[in-house]
Amino acid sequence: MTIPFYGYPGSLTFQYTSAIPIHYPKSIELLCFFFIDTRTIFFVHYFATLLSIYAMSIRLHKKSIFPFQSGTTNPTVKLFCVDLDMVVQGNVTLVEIEHPSELSTSERILSAVDFPTDSLVYATWMNRVQNKAYFQLCDVDSLLPNCTTTLSYSERNGWVEQFEAPIFSEDGTSFLLILPQIQKNGSNWRHIVLITNATSGRPVSTALTSGYFVVTEIVSWDREDSYL
């Protein structure tokens, strides 16, 4: 569901700003959504069919430049949460979960969001060139979210691949994800990493797999018996 604010209501093609609901916690008392502002964007590109390798370009404004010119501006993305119980009572208060301060001077990408617990929101933020990622946990139990960057990761010679939220423990203090790990010969291979004490400000990172192979997916986590 997309809610346009400016442009042509009901049209996904010609809207300038929109709010897209992305996740409910288990209790369904909170709703998180990201707000996309494309008023400074001249063209949007999307794949109309998976059978084509070429994206279609849709013009958003009358005055526009060549769609593939370098240095064009990305849409502005913001992350908000709202208490649905308060909405029912007529009090609509949006709580913004701000990006990490390290990304304040650059364009940002919001690549993943999740609810580890009913009051804990997770977000993955990246810079525009996608060689830096910041893993953020925010306690939204009050109108002033308490956010902690639990982990940051960067690539010197490539891009980070963090487009899905990690798998969390029941209390949200630990999570699993796949990250490149240096092996004995100095090469990097993608392996499963466990992050503990995630909300303490002093997280601990432990590689659970190693070797000259690549882990492509974490299928499931049996938290009770500690099996992956």
Protein backbone atom coordinates (compact mmCIF):
# COMPACT_ATOMS: atom_id res chain seq x y z
CA MET A 1 0.00 0.00 0.00
CA THR A 2 1.34 3.41 -0.98
CA ILE A 3 -0.13 6.72 0.22
CA PRO A 4 0.77 9.62 -2.10
CA PHE A 5 0.99 13.14 -0.61
CA TYR A 6 1.88 15.25 -3.63
CA GLY A 7 1.36 14.61 -7.33
CA TYR A 8 -1.43 12.42 -8.65
CA PRO A 9 -3.25 10.47 -5.88
CA GLY A 10 -3.65 6.80 -6.60
CA SER A 11 -0.99 6.71 -9.30
CA LEU A 12 2.28 5.00 -8.46
CA THR A 13 3.84 6.39 -11.63
CA PHE A 14 3.25 10.10 -11.11
CA GLN A 15 3.46 10.65 -7.37
CA TYR A 16 6.10 12.96 -5.94
CA THR A 17 6.05 11.88 -2.30
CA SER A 18 4.63 8.80 -0.66
CA ALA A 19 4.49 6.91 2.61
CA ILE A 20 4.85 3.14 2.35
CA PRO A 21 3.95 0.92 5.36
CA ILE A 22 6.61 -1.69 5.79
CA HIS A 23 6.27 -3.56 9.06
CA TYR A 24 4.15 -4.33 12.08
CA PRO A 25 5.50 -5.80 15.32
CA LYS A 26 3.89 -8.92 16.75
CA SER A 27 1.56 -6.91 18.97
CA ILE A 28 0.42 -4.73 16.02
CA GLU A 29 0.45 -1.66 18.27
CA LEU A 30 3.11 0.11 16.22
CA LEU A 31 3.45 0.76 12.52
CA CYS A 32 6.69 1.71 10.81
CA PHE A 33 6.79 3.26 7.37
CA PHE A 34 9.27 5.09 5.21
CA PHE A 35 8.54 8.43 3.58
CA ILE A 36 9.92 8.96 0.07
CA ASP A 37 10.24 12.47 -1.35
CA THR A 38 10.84 12.54 -5.11
CA ARG A 39 10.06 16.21 -5.71
CA THR A 40 13.68 16.85 -6.68
CA ILE A 41 13.85 13.73 -8.88
CA PHE A 42 13.33 14.14 -12.63
CA PHE A 43 13.17 10.50 -13.68
CA VAL A 44 12.39 7.21 -11.98
CA HIS A 45 13.60 3.89 -13.41
CA TYR A 46 11.95 0.53 -12.94
CA PHE A 47 11.81 -2.86 -14.65
CA ALA A 48 8.39 -3.41 -16.19
CA THR A 49 9.13 -7.08 -16.83
CA LEU A 50 11.74 -9.54 -15.60
CA LEU A 51 12.20 -10.65 -19.21
CA SER A 52 13.94 -7.38 -20.09
CA ILE A 53 17.38 -6.27 -18.92
CA TYR A 54 16.52 -2.61 -19.55
CA ALA A 55 14.71 -0.34 -17.12
CA MET A 56 11.94 2.02 -18.19
CA SER A 57 12.35 5.74 -17.49
CA ILE A 58 9.29 7.64 -16.28
CA ARG A 59 9.47 11.43 -16.28
CA LEU A 60 8.20 12.93 -13.00
CA HIS A 61 8.48 16.62 -13.87
CA LYS A 62 8.12 18.70 -17.00
CA LYS A 63 11.59 20.22 -16.66
CA SER A 64 14.07 17.39 -16.67
CA ILE A 65 17.58 16.42 -17.62
CA PHE A 66 18.95 13.34 -19.32
CA PRO A 67 17.91 10.47 -17.03
CA PHE A 68 21.29 8.77 -16.82
CA GLN A 69 23.43 11.82 -16.09
CA SER A 70 25.81 11.26 -13.18
CA GLY A 71 25.48 13.38 -10.08
CA THR A 72 21.68 13.51 -10.05
CA THR A 73 19.92 13.59 -6.68
CA ASN A 74 18.49 10.50 -5.02
CA PRO A 75 15.01 10.58 -3.43
CA THR A 76 14.99 11.64 0.23
CA VAL A 77 13.97 8.78 2.52
CA LYS A 78 12.85 9.06 6.15
CA LEU A 79 11.74 6.36 8.59
CA PHE A 80 8.77 6.94 10.89
CA CYS A 81 6.86 4.96 13.52
CA VAL A 82 3.37 5.62 14.84
CA ASP A 83 1.49 4.18 17.84
CA LEU A 84 -1.78 2.80 16.45
CA ASP A 85 -3.46 2.83 19.87
CA MET A 86 -2.85 6.59 20.04
CA VAL A 87 -4.17 6.98 16.49
CA VAL A 88 -7.47 5.34 17.49
CA GLN A 89 -7.72 7.88 20.32
CA GLY A 90 -7.23 10.73 17.85
CA ASN A 91 -3.60 11.44 18.72
CA VAL A 92 -1.47 10.94 15.61
CA THR A 93 2.15 11.47 16.63
CA LEU A 94 4.85 10.46 14.17
CA VAL A 95 8.17 9.40 15.67
CA GLU A 96 11.07 9.77 13.26
CA ILE A 97 13.91 7.29 13.49
CA GLU A 98 16.83 9.33 12.24
CA HIS A 99 19.72 7.94 10.25
CA PRO A 100 23.14 7.46 11.91
CA SER A 101 25.13 10.68 12.26
CA GLU A 102 27.87 9.25 10.03
CA LEU A 103 25.51 9.64 7.06
CA SER A 104 24.43 13.22 7.79
CA THR A 105 26.56 14.75 5.05
CA SER A 106 25.81 12.21 2.31
CA GLU A 107 22.84 10.80 0.45
CA ARG A 108 21.42 7.75 2.17
CA ILE A 109 19.73 4.45 1.37
CA LEU A 110 17.37 2.68 3.77
CA SER A 111 17.75 -0.97 2.78
CA ALA A 112 16.03 -2.99 5.53
CA VAL A 113 13.68 -2.56 8.49
CA ASP A 114 12.41 -5.04 11.08
CA PHE A 115 10.79 -5.31 14.53
CA PRO A 116 12.98 -7.60 16.71
CA THR A 117 10.58 -6.94 19.64
CA ASP A 118 7.37 -4.97 20.14
CA SER A 119 9.31 -1.81 21.03
CA LEU A 120 12.62 -2.32 19.22
CA VAL A 121 13.03 -1.22 15.60
CA TYR A 122 15.93 -2.30 13.42
CA ALA A 123 17.13 -0.40 10.34
CA THR A 124 19.98 -0.86 7.88
CA TRP A 125 21.29 2.41 6.42
CA MET A 126 23.84 2.70 3.62
CA ASN A 127 25.56 5.54 1.82
CA ARG A 128 24.66 6.19 -1.80
CA VAL A 129 27.60 4.32 -3.33
CA GLN A 130 26.71 1.36 -1.07
CA ASN A 131 30.17 0.66 0.29
CA LYS A 132 29.25 1.48 3.90
CA ALA A 133 26.45 0.01 6.02
CA TYR A 134 25.22 0.91 9.49
CA PHE A 135 23.09 -1.49 11.54
CA GLN A 136 20.83 0.49 13.85
CA LEU A 137 18.58 -0.54 16.76
CA CYS A 138 16.08 1.94 18.20
CA ASP A 139 13.90 1.66 21.29
CA VAL A 140 10.62 3.38 20.35
CA ASP A 141 8.82 2.78 23.63
CA SER A 142 8.60 6.57 24.06
CA LEU A 143 8.17 9.55 21.73
CA LEU A 144 11.95 10.04 21.77
CA PRO A 145 13.55 6.95 20.19
CA ASN A 146 16.79 5.76 21.75
CA CYS A 147 18.98 4.58 18.87
CA THR A 148 22.27 2.71 18.89
CA THR A 149 24.47 1.81 15.94
CA THR A 150 25.24 -1.77 16.88
CA LEU A 151 27.52 -2.48 13.95
CA SER A 152 29.08 -0.73 10.97
CA TYR A 153 30.70 -2.32 7.96
CA SER A 154 32.53 -0.97 4.92
CA GLU A 155 34.12 -2.31 1.74
CA ARG A 156 37.22 -0.75 0.19
CA ASN A 157 37.10 -2.60 -3.11
CA GLY A 158 33.43 -3.37 -3.61
CA TRP A 159 29.88 -2.97 -2.34
CA VAL A 160 28.14 -4.14 0.79
CA GLU A 161 25.25 -6.56 0.30
CA GLN A 162 22.87 -5.84 3.16
CA PHE A 163 19.35 -5.65 1.74
CA GLU A 164 17.64 -7.93 4.26
CA ALA A 165 17.26 -7.55 8.02
CA PRO A 166 19.26 -9.95 10.23
CA ILE A 167 17.62 -12.79 12.14
CA PHE A 168 17.09 -11.72 15.75
CA SER A 169 16.87 -13.47 19.09
CA GLU A 170 13.57 -13.29 20.97
CA ASP A 171 14.74 -10.39 23.16
CA GLY A 172 16.41 -8.51 20.29
CA THR A 173 19.83 -8.38 21.96
CA SER A 174 21.47 -10.78 19.50
CA PHE A 175 21.22 -11.32 15.77
CA LEU A 176 22.66 -13.35 12.91
CA LEU A 177 23.80 -12.06 9.54
CA ILE A 178 26.20 -12.86 6.71
CA LEU A 179 29.39 -10.80 6.46
CA PRO A 180 32.76 -11.24 4.71
CA GLN A 181 35.34 -12.80 7.03
CA ILE A 182 39.10 -12.93 6.49
CA GLN A 183 40.45 -16.49 6.25
CA LYS A 184 43.95 -17.85 6.85
CA ASN A 185 45.25 -16.94 3.40
CA GLY A 186 44.00 -13.34 3.73
CA SER A 187 41.03 -13.73 1.40
CA ASN A 188 37.47 -12.74 2.32
CA TRP A 189 34.58 -15.21 2.28
CA ARG A 190 30.98 -14.57 3.29
CA HIS A 191 30.15 -16.38 6.55
CA ILE A 192 27.58 -16.40 9.34
CA VAL A 193 28.32 -13.92 12.12
CA LEU A 194 26.60 -13.74 15.51
CA ILE A 195 26.29 -10.31 17.13
CA THR A 196 25.61 -10.38 20.88
CA ASN A 197 25.02 -7.55 23.38
CA ALA A 198 23.58 -5.60 20.44
CA THR A 199 21.73 -3.05 22.57
CA SER A 200 24.50 -2.47 25.12
CA GLY A 201 26.68 -0.15 23.04
CA ARG A 202 29.47 -2.75 23.22
CA PRO A 203 28.41 -5.51 20.81
CA VAL A 204 30.46 -8.68 20.42
CA SER A 205 30.95 -10.21 16.96
CA THR A 206 31.62 -13.95 16.57
CA ALA A 207 32.04 -15.81 13.27
CA LEU A 208 30.12 -19.11 13.42
CA THR A 209 31.36 -20.52 10.11
CA SER A 210 34.72 -20.35 8.37
CA GLY A 211 36.50 -21.77 5.36
CA TYR A 212 36.92 -21.25 1.64
CA PHE A 213 33.26 -21.30 0.73
CA VAL A 214 30.37 -18.84 0.74
CA VAL A 215 27.26 -18.90 2.92
CA THR A 216 24.41 -17.60 0.76
CA GLU A 217 21.44 -17.75 3.14
CA ILE A 218 20.44 -18.35 6.76
CA VAL A 219 17.34 -20.51 6.35
CA SER A 220 16.27 -20.64 10.00
CA TRP A 221 17.42 -20.32 13.60
CA ASP A 222 16.23 -22.78 16.25
CA ARG A 223 16.65 -20.43 19.19
CA GLU A 224 15.55 -22.94 21.81
CA ASP A 225 18.13 -25.58 20.87
CA SER A 226 20.69 -23.14 19.40
CA TYR A 227 20.81 -24.68 15.93
CA LEU A 228 21.10 -22.98 12.52
